[in-house]
Amino acid sequence: MICPYCLHEETKVVDKRDFEGVTKRRRECLKCRRRFNTIEAVESVRLRVIKKDGSGEDFDREKVRKGIERACEKRPVGHEKIDKMIANVEDRLRKMGKEVKTGVIGELVSKELKKVDKVAYIRFASVYREFKDIGDFKKEIKEL
């Protein structure tokens, strides 16, 4: 590590702390004896979403949050459960690779909602699967 003060190339680590996936090191320059901090974190891989029309965009966890919150509106589902569902979906997506289709995201969100609240699941499924009439609702409810 290069000293930011004198640009000497030799430093020693005086203290090291790990916190939530980040490593903070207190370093001392072996030449000028001045101290400075460095922070080290794993670089996250950008996740790309392939839309129905074939175009792509960066994964936006806020879009997932809005969809889940809309489905859970006026339902007994707390913010902690919603955060947990979003984290579960994102973790599974990242394990699938750098690119994922929107349909996969919809299915993962559906599975999470099904475990937490059946009404929220039906609400989400009705939009995601584009229900056309009451028959689609009846069919989905029967499958529950």
N, C-alpha and C. Protein backbone atom coordinates (compact mmCIF):
# COMPACT_ATOMS: atom_id res chain seq x y z
N MET A 1 0.85 -1.17 0.00
CA MET A 1 0.00 0.00 0.00
C MET A 1 0.90 1.24 0.00
N ILE A 2 0.58 2.19 -0.84
CA ILE A 2 1.38 3.41 -0.95
C ILE A 2 0.88 4.44 0.07
N CYS A 3 1.79 5.06 0.78
CA CYS A 3 1.46 6.09 1.76
C CYS A 3 0.90 7.31 1.02
N PRO A 4 -0.28 7.80 1.43
CA PRO A 4 -0.86 8.96 0.75
C PRO A 4 -0.13 10.27 1.06
N TYR A 5 0.75 10.26 2.07
CA TYR A 5 1.46 11.48 2.47
C TYR A 5 2.83 11.62 1.79
N CYS A 6 3.66 10.57 1.88
CA CYS A 6 5.01 10.66 1.31
C CYS A 6 5.21 9.75 0.10
N LEU A 7 4.20 8.96 -0.27
CA LEU A 7 4.20 8.05 -1.41
C LEU A 7 5.19 6.89 -1.29
N HIS A 8 5.64 6.63 -0.05
CA HIS A 8 6.50 5.48 0.20
C HIS A 8 5.67 4.21 0.01
N GLU A 9 6.30 3.14 -0.49
CA GLU A 9 5.55 1.93 -0.84
C GLU A 9 5.46 0.89 0.27
N GLU A 10 6.02 1.17 1.42
CA GLU A 10 5.98 0.18 2.49
C GLU A 10 5.22 0.73 3.69
N THR A 11 4.17 -0.03 4.07
CA THR A 11 3.38 0.32 5.25
C THR A 11 3.15 -0.95 6.06
N LYS A 12 2.74 -0.75 7.29
CA LYS A 12 2.36 -1.92 8.10
C LYS A 12 0.95 -1.71 8.64
N VAL A 13 0.25 -2.80 8.86
CA VAL A 13 -1.10 -2.75 9.39
C VAL A 13 -1.00 -2.71 10.91
N VAL A 14 -1.59 -1.66 11.49
CA VAL A 14 -1.56 -1.47 12.94
C VAL A 14 -2.81 -2.08 13.58
N ASP A 15 -3.95 -1.98 12.89
CA ASP A 15 -5.21 -2.48 13.42
C ASP A 15 -6.08 -2.91 12.24
N LYS A 16 -6.93 -3.93 12.46
CA LYS A 16 -7.82 -4.42 11.41
C LYS A 16 -9.16 -4.75 12.04
N ARG A 17 -10.23 -4.28 11.40
CA ARG A 17 -11.58 -4.57 11.88
C ARG A 17 -12.47 -4.98 10.72
N ASP A 18 -13.28 -6.01 10.94
CA ASP A 18 -14.24 -6.46 9.93
C ASP A 18 -15.63 -6.10 10.40
N PHE A 19 -16.43 -5.53 9.47
CA PHE A 19 -17.78 -5.12 9.80
C PHE A 19 -18.66 -5.24 8.57
N GLU A 20 -19.67 -6.12 8.63
CA GLU A 20 -20.66 -6.31 7.57
C GLU A 20 -20.05 -6.42 6.17
N GLY A 21 -19.09 -7.29 6.01
CA GLY A 21 -18.49 -7.53 4.71
C GLY A 21 -17.44 -6.53 4.28
N VAL A 22 -17.07 -5.61 5.18
CA VAL A 22 -16.06 -4.60 4.89
C VAL A 22 -14.91 -4.76 5.87
N THR A 23 -13.69 -4.66 5.37
CA THR A 23 -12.50 -4.72 6.23
C THR A 23 -11.87 -3.34 6.27
N LYS A 24 -11.72 -2.83 7.48
CA LYS A 24 -11.08 -1.52 7.67
C LYS A 24 -9.72 -1.76 8.31
N ARG A 25 -8.69 -1.19 7.68
CA ARG A 25 -7.33 -1.35 8.20
C ARG A 25 -6.73 0.00 8.55
N ARG A 26 -6.10 0.08 9.70
CA ARG A 26 -5.34 1.26 10.12
C ARG A 26 -3.89 0.94 9.78
N ARG A 27 -3.29 1.78 8.94
CA ARG A 27 -1.93 1.52 8.46
C ARG A 27 -0.98 2.62 8.92
N GLU A 28 0.31 2.25 8.99
CA GLU A 28 1.35 3.21 9.33
C GLU A 28 2.47 3.12 8.30
N CYS A 29 2.88 4.29 7.79
CA CYS A 29 3.96 4.34 6.83
C CYS A 29 5.28 4.05 7.54
N LEU A 30 6.10 3.20 6.95
CA LEU A 30 7.38 2.85 7.57
C LEU A 30 8.44 3.94 7.39
N LYS A 31 8.16 4.91 6.53
CA LYS A 31 9.11 5.99 6.31
C LYS A 31 8.74 7.23 7.14
N CYS A 32 7.55 7.80 6.91
CA CYS A 32 7.17 9.05 7.59
C CYS A 32 6.42 8.83 8.90
N ARG A 33 6.02 7.59 9.19
CA ARG A 33 5.33 7.18 10.41
C ARG A 33 3.91 7.74 10.56
N ARG A 34 3.38 8.33 9.51
CA ARG A 34 2.01 8.83 9.56
C ARG A 34 1.05 7.67 9.36
N ARG A 35 -0.16 7.83 9.92
CA ARG A 35 -1.16 6.76 9.85
C ARG A 35 -2.33 7.16 8.95
N PHE A 36 -2.92 6.15 8.35
CA PHE A 36 -4.09 6.37 7.49
C PHE A 36 -4.93 5.09 7.47
N ASN A 37 -6.17 5.23 7.05
CA ASN A 37 -7.10 4.10 6.99
C ASN A 37 -7.32 3.65 5.55
N THR A 38 -7.53 2.37 5.38
CA THR A 38 -7.97 1.82 4.10
C THR A 38 -9.22 0.99 4.35
N ILE A 39 -10.07 0.93 3.36
CA ILE A 39 -11.29 0.13 3.46
C ILE A 39 -11.32 -0.83 2.29
N GLU A 40 -11.61 -2.07 2.58
CA GLU A 40 -11.63 -3.11 1.56
C GLU A 40 -12.99 -3.80 1.59
N ALA A 41 -13.61 -3.95 0.42
CA ALA A 41 -14.90 -4.63 0.31
C ALA A 41 -14.92 -5.44 -0.98
N VAL A 42 -15.71 -6.47 -1.00
CA VAL A 42 -15.87 -7.29 -2.20
C VAL A 42 -16.71 -6.50 -3.19
N GLU A 43 -16.24 -6.44 -4.42
CA GLU A 43 -16.97 -5.74 -5.47
C GLU A 43 -18.13 -6.62 -5.92
N SER A 44 -19.34 -6.06 -5.85
CA SER A 44 -20.49 -6.86 -6.24
C SER A 44 -20.65 -6.86 -7.76
N VAL A 45 -21.11 -7.98 -8.26
CA VAL A 45 -21.32 -8.14 -9.70
C VAL A 45 -22.66 -7.52 -10.06
N ARG A 46 -22.67 -6.70 -11.11
CA ARG A 46 -23.93 -6.09 -11.55
C ARG A 46 -24.81 -7.15 -12.19
N LEU A 47 -26.04 -7.14 -11.78
CA LEU A 47 -27.02 -8.09 -12.28
C LEU A 47 -27.85 -7.42 -13.37
N ARG A 48 -27.93 -8.06 -14.53
CA ARG A 48 -28.70 -7.53 -15.66
C ARG A 48 -30.02 -8.29 -15.79
N VAL A 49 -31.07 -7.54 -16.06
CA VAL A 49 -32.39 -8.11 -16.25
C VAL A 49 -32.72 -8.04 -17.74
N ILE A 50 -33.08 -9.19 -18.30
CA ILE A 50 -33.47 -9.27 -19.71
C ILE A 50 -35.00 -9.21 -19.75
N LYS A 51 -35.52 -8.15 -20.37
CA LYS A 51 -36.95 -7.93 -20.43
C LYS A 51 -37.60 -8.77 -21.52
N LYS A 52 -38.93 -8.79 -21.53
CA LYS A 52 -39.68 -9.59 -22.51
C LYS A 52 -39.33 -9.24 -23.95
N ASP A 53 -39.04 -7.96 -24.21
CA ASP A 53 -38.74 -7.54 -25.58
C ASP A 53 -37.28 -7.78 -25.97
N GLY A 54 -36.50 -8.38 -25.06
CA GLY A 54 -35.11 -8.70 -25.35
C GLY A 54 -34.12 -7.65 -24.91
N SER A 55 -34.61 -6.46 -24.56
CA SER A 55 -33.70 -5.42 -24.07
C SER A 55 -33.27 -5.74 -22.64
N GLY A 56 -32.22 -5.08 -22.20
CA GLY A 56 -31.70 -5.34 -20.86
C GLY A 56 -31.57 -4.07 -20.06
N GLU A 57 -31.60 -4.22 -18.74
CA GLU A 57 -31.38 -3.10 -17.83
C GLU A 57 -30.78 -3.65 -16.54
N ASP A 58 -30.19 -2.76 -15.75
CA ASP A 58 -29.63 -3.18 -14.47
C ASP A 58 -30.75 -3.58 -13.52
N PHE A 59 -30.48 -4.57 -12.69
CA PHE A 59 -31.44 -5.00 -11.68
C PHE A 59 -31.71 -3.84 -10.73
N ASP A 60 -32.99 -3.60 -10.44
CA ASP A 60 -33.39 -2.52 -9.55
C ASP A 60 -34.22 -3.12 -8.43
N ARG A 61 -33.61 -3.21 -7.27
CA ARG A 61 -34.31 -3.84 -6.15
C ARG A 61 -35.52 -3.01 -5.72
N GLU A 62 -35.52 -1.71 -6.02
CA GLU A 62 -36.66 -0.87 -5.68
C GLU A 62 -37.90 -1.23 -6.52
N LYS A 63 -37.70 -1.70 -7.74
CA LYS A 63 -38.83 -2.16 -8.55
C LYS A 63 -39.45 -3.39 -7.90
N VAL A 64 -38.61 -4.28 -7.41
CA VAL A 64 -39.10 -5.48 -6.73
C VAL A 64 -39.85 -5.06 -5.47
N ARG A 65 -39.27 -4.12 -4.72
CA ARG A 65 -39.90 -3.64 -3.49
C ARG A 65 -41.29 -3.05 -3.78
N LYS A 66 -41.40 -2.22 -4.82
CA LYS A 66 -42.68 -1.60 -5.15
C LYS A 66 -43.74 -2.65 -5.49
N GLY A 67 -43.34 -3.66 -6.26
CA GLY A 67 -44.27 -4.72 -6.61
C GLY A 67 -44.75 -5.49 -5.40
N ILE A 68 -43.83 -5.81 -4.50
CA ILE A 68 -44.20 -6.55 -3.29
C ILE A 68 -45.05 -5.68 -2.38
N GLU A 69 -44.66 -4.42 -2.21
CA GLU A 69 -45.43 -3.52 -1.34
C GLU A 69 -46.85 -3.32 -1.88
N ARG A 70 -46.99 -3.20 -3.19
CA ARG A 70 -48.31 -3.04 -3.79
C ARG A 70 -49.17 -4.26 -3.51
N ALA A 71 -48.58 -5.44 -3.64
CA ALA A 71 -49.32 -6.69 -3.39
C ALA A 71 -49.69 -6.83 -1.91
N CYS A 72 -48.84 -6.30 -1.03
CA CYS A 72 -49.05 -6.45 0.42
C CYS A 72 -49.81 -5.28 1.04
N GLU A 73 -50.24 -4.34 0.21
CA GLU A 73 -50.95 -3.17 0.72
C GLU A 73 -52.17 -3.59 1.54
N LYS A 74 -52.30 -3.03 2.73
CA LYS A 74 -53.39 -3.30 3.69
C LYS A 74 -53.45 -4.76 4.10
N ARG A 75 -52.31 -5.43 4.06
CA ARG A 75 -52.20 -6.81 4.52
C ARG A 75 -51.28 -6.82 5.74
N PRO A 76 -51.39 -7.82 6.60
CA PRO A 76 -50.55 -7.87 7.81
C PRO A 76 -49.13 -8.37 7.52
N VAL A 77 -48.45 -7.66 6.64
CA VAL A 77 -47.08 -8.03 6.27
C VAL A 77 -46.19 -6.83 6.60
N GLY A 78 -45.28 -7.01 7.56
CA GLY A 78 -44.42 -5.92 8.01
C GLY A 78 -43.25 -5.65 7.07
N HIS A 79 -42.62 -4.50 7.30
CA HIS A 79 -41.47 -4.10 6.49
C HIS A 79 -40.31 -5.10 6.59
N GLU A 80 -40.16 -5.71 7.77
CA GLU A 80 -39.07 -6.68 7.94
C GLU A 80 -39.28 -7.89 7.04
N LYS A 81 -40.53 -8.34 6.94
CA LYS A 81 -40.82 -9.49 6.07
C LYS A 81 -40.59 -9.13 4.61
N ILE A 82 -40.98 -7.92 4.25
CA ILE A 82 -40.79 -7.47 2.86
C ILE A 82 -39.29 -7.40 2.55
N ASP A 83 -38.52 -6.83 3.47
CA ASP A 83 -37.06 -6.75 3.28
C ASP A 83 -36.45 -8.14 3.14
N LYS A 84 -36.94 -9.08 3.95
CA LYS A 84 -36.43 -10.45 3.90
C LYS A 84 -36.78 -11.11 2.55
N MET A 85 -38.00 -10.87 2.07
CA MET A 85 -38.39 -11.44 0.77
C MET A 85 -37.50 -10.89 -0.35
N ILE A 86 -37.26 -9.59 -0.32
CA ILE A 86 -36.42 -8.96 -1.35
C ILE A 86 -35.01 -9.53 -1.29
N ALA A 87 -34.47 -9.68 -0.09
CA ALA A 87 -33.12 -10.23 0.07
C ALA A 87 -33.07 -11.67 -0.46
N ASN A 88 -34.09 -12.46 -0.16
CA ASN A 88 -34.13 -13.85 -0.65
C ASN A 88 -34.16 -13.90 -2.17
N VAL A 89 -34.99 -13.05 -2.77
CA VAL A 89 -35.08 -13.01 -4.24
C VAL A 89 -33.74 -12.60 -4.84
N GLU A 90 -33.15 -11.53 -4.31
CA GLU A 90 -31.88 -11.04 -4.87
C GLU A 90 -30.77 -12.07 -4.70
N ASP A 91 -30.71 -12.74 -3.55
CA ASP A 91 -29.68 -13.77 -3.33
C ASP A 91 -29.81 -14.89 -4.35
N ARG A 92 -31.04 -15.35 -4.57
CA ARG A 92 -31.25 -16.44 -5.53
C ARG A 92 -30.90 -16.01 -6.95
N LEU A 93 -31.23 -14.75 -7.29
CA LEU A 93 -30.92 -14.24 -8.63
C LEU A 93 -29.41 -14.19 -8.85
N ARG A 94 -28.67 -13.71 -7.86
CA ARG A 94 -27.21 -13.58 -7.99
C ARG A 94 -26.54 -14.95 -8.14
N LYS A 95 -27.15 -15.97 -7.58
CA LYS A 95 -26.60 -17.33 -7.71
C LYS A 95 -26.84 -17.89 -9.11
N MET A 96 -27.77 -17.28 -9.85
CA MET A 96 -28.10 -17.76 -11.19
C MET A 96 -27.17 -17.22 -12.26
N GLY A 97 -26.42 -16.18 -11.95
CA GLY A 97 -25.51 -15.61 -12.93
C GLY A 97 -25.67 -14.11 -13.06
N LYS A 98 -25.06 -13.57 -14.13
CA LYS A 98 -25.05 -12.12 -14.32
C LYS A 98 -26.30 -11.60 -15.02
N GLU A 99 -27.00 -12.48 -15.74
CA GLU A 99 -28.21 -12.08 -16.46
C GLU A 99 -29.37 -12.98 -16.06
N VAL A 100 -30.55 -12.37 -15.93
CA VAL A 100 -31.74 -13.11 -15.55
C VAL A 100 -32.94 -12.51 -16.26
N LYS A 101 -33.88 -13.35 -16.65
CA LYS A 101 -35.07 -12.88 -17.34
C LYS A 101 -36.11 -12.40 -16.33
N THR A 102 -36.94 -11.44 -16.77
CA THR A 102 -37.95 -10.89 -15.87
C THR A 102 -38.89 -11.97 -15.34
N GLY A 103 -39.16 -12.97 -16.16
CA GLY A 103 -40.05 -14.05 -15.73
C GLY A 103 -39.52 -14.79 -14.52
N VAL A 104 -38.21 -14.93 -14.44
CA VAL A 104 -37.59 -15.60 -13.29
C VAL A 104 -37.82 -14.76 -12.03
N ILE A 105 -37.66 -13.46 -12.16
CA ILE A 105 -37.87 -12.57 -11.01
C ILE A 105 -39.32 -12.68 -10.54
N GLY A 106 -40.25 -12.64 -11.48
CA GLY A 106 -41.67 -12.75 -11.14
C GLY A 106 -41.99 -14.05 -10.42
N GLU A 107 -41.42 -15.16 -10.89
CA GLU A 107 -41.66 -16.45 -10.24
C GLU A 107 -41.09 -16.49 -8.82
N LEU A 108 -39.88 -15.93 -8.65
CA LEU A 108 -39.28 -15.92 -7.32
C LEU A 108 -40.08 -15.05 -6.35
N VAL A 109 -40.53 -13.90 -6.82
CA VAL A 109 -41.36 -13.03 -5.98
C VAL A 109 -42.67 -13.74 -5.63
N SER A 110 -43.27 -14.42 -6.60
CA SER A 110 -44.51 -15.16 -6.37
C SER A 110 -44.32 -16.21 -5.28
N LYS A 111 -43.23 -16.95 -5.35
CA LYS A 111 -42.96 -18.00 -4.35
C LYS A 111 -42.80 -17.40 -2.95
N GLU A 112 -42.11 -16.27 -2.87
CA GLU A 112 -41.93 -15.61 -1.57
C GLU A 112 -43.26 -15.13 -1.00
N LEU A 113 -44.08 -14.51 -1.85
CA LEU A 113 -45.38 -14.02 -1.39
C LEU A 113 -46.31 -15.17 -0.99
N LYS A 114 -46.24 -16.27 -1.73
CA LYS A 114 -47.08 -17.43 -1.43
C LYS A 114 -46.80 -17.96 -0.03
N LYS A 115 -45.52 -17.91 0.37
CA LYS A 115 -45.14 -18.38 1.71
C LYS A 115 -45.61 -17.43 2.81
N VAL A 116 -45.71 -16.14 2.49
CA VAL A 116 -45.99 -15.13 3.51
C VAL A 116 -47.47 -14.77 3.61
N ASP A 117 -48.15 -14.55 2.47
CA ASP A 117 -49.54 -14.09 2.50
C ASP A 117 -50.23 -14.50 1.19
N LYS A 118 -51.22 -15.33 1.30
CA LYS A 118 -51.90 -15.87 0.10
C LYS A 118 -52.63 -14.77 -0.68
N VAL A 119 -53.24 -13.81 0.01
CA VAL A 119 -53.96 -12.74 -0.68
C VAL A 119 -52.97 -11.87 -1.46
N ALA A 120 -51.85 -11.53 -0.83
CA ALA A 120 -50.81 -10.74 -1.52
C ALA A 120 -50.29 -11.52 -2.73
N TYR A 121 -50.17 -12.83 -2.57
CA TYR A 121 -49.72 -13.67 -3.69
C TYR A 121 -50.70 -13.57 -4.86
N ILE A 122 -52.00 -13.69 -4.58
CA ILE A 122 -53.01 -13.63 -5.64
C ILE A 122 -52.99 -12.26 -6.31
N ARG A 123 -52.85 -11.20 -5.51
CA ARG A 123 -52.77 -9.85 -6.09
C ARG A 123 -51.60 -9.74 -7.05
N PHE A 124 -50.44 -10.20 -6.60
CA PHE A 124 -49.24 -10.11 -7.43
C PHE A 124 -49.40 -10.98 -8.69
N ALA A 125 -49.89 -12.20 -8.51
CA ALA A 125 -50.05 -13.14 -9.63
C ALA A 125 -51.02 -12.58 -10.66
N SER A 126 -52.06 -11.88 -10.21
CA SER A 126 -53.05 -11.35 -11.15
C SER A 126 -52.43 -10.32 -12.10
N VAL A 127 -51.49 -9.56 -11.60
CA VAL A 127 -50.81 -8.57 -12.45
C VAL A 127 -49.69 -9.25 -13.23
N TYR A 128 -48.87 -10.02 -12.54
CA TYR A 128 -47.71 -10.67 -13.17
C TYR A 128 -48.13 -11.62 -14.29
N ARG A 129 -49.15 -12.42 -14.03
CA ARG A 129 -49.60 -13.39 -15.03
C ARG A 129 -50.69 -12.86 -15.93
N GLU A 130 -51.03 -11.59 -15.76
CA GLU A 130 -52.00 -10.89 -16.61
C GLU A 130 -53.34 -11.64 -16.69
N PHE A 131 -53.98 -11.81 -15.52
CA PHE A 131 -55.30 -12.45 -15.50
C PHE A 131 -56.26 -11.68 -16.37
N LYS A 132 -57.05 -12.40 -17.16
CA LYS A 132 -57.98 -11.77 -18.10
C LYS A 132 -59.40 -11.67 -17.53
N ASP A 133 -59.80 -12.66 -16.71
CA ASP A 133 -61.16 -12.65 -16.16
C ASP A 133 -61.19 -13.38 -14.83
N ILE A 134 -62.37 -13.49 -14.27
CA ILE A 134 -62.56 -14.12 -12.95
C ILE A 134 -62.15 -15.59 -12.97
N GLY A 135 -62.25 -16.21 -14.13
CA GLY A 135 -61.85 -17.62 -14.26
C GLY A 135 -60.38 -17.83 -13.94
N ASP A 136 -59.55 -16.88 -14.34
CA ASP A 136 -58.12 -16.98 -14.02
C ASP A 136 -57.89 -16.92 -12.51
N PHE A 137 -58.66 -16.04 -11.84
CA PHE A 137 -58.55 -15.95 -10.37
C PHE A 137 -58.98 -17.26 -9.72
N LYS A 138 -60.10 -17.79 -10.18
CA LYS A 138 -60.62 -19.04 -9.60
C LYS A 138 -59.61 -20.17 -9.77
N LYS A 139 -59.05 -20.27 -10.95
CA LYS A 139 -58.07 -21.33 -11.24
C LYS A 139 -56.86 -21.21 -10.29
N GLU A 140 -56.34 -19.99 -10.12
CA GLU A 140 -55.17 -19.79 -9.26
C GLU A 140 -55.50 -20.09 -7.80
N ILE A 141 -56.67 -19.67 -7.36
CA ILE A 141 -57.08 -19.91 -5.97
C ILE A 141 -57.25 -21.41 -5.72
N LYS A 142 -57.80 -22.15 -6.70
CA LYS A 142 -57.94 -23.60 -6.58
C LYS A 142 -56.60 -24.28 -6.37
N GLU A 143 -55.59 -23.76 -7.09
CA GLU A 143 -54.25 -24.36 -7.00
C GLU A 143 -53.57 -24.11 -5.66
N LEU A 144 -54.07 -23.10 -4.91
CA LEU A 144 -53.52 -22.84 -3.59
C LEU A 144 -53.94 -23.95 -2.65
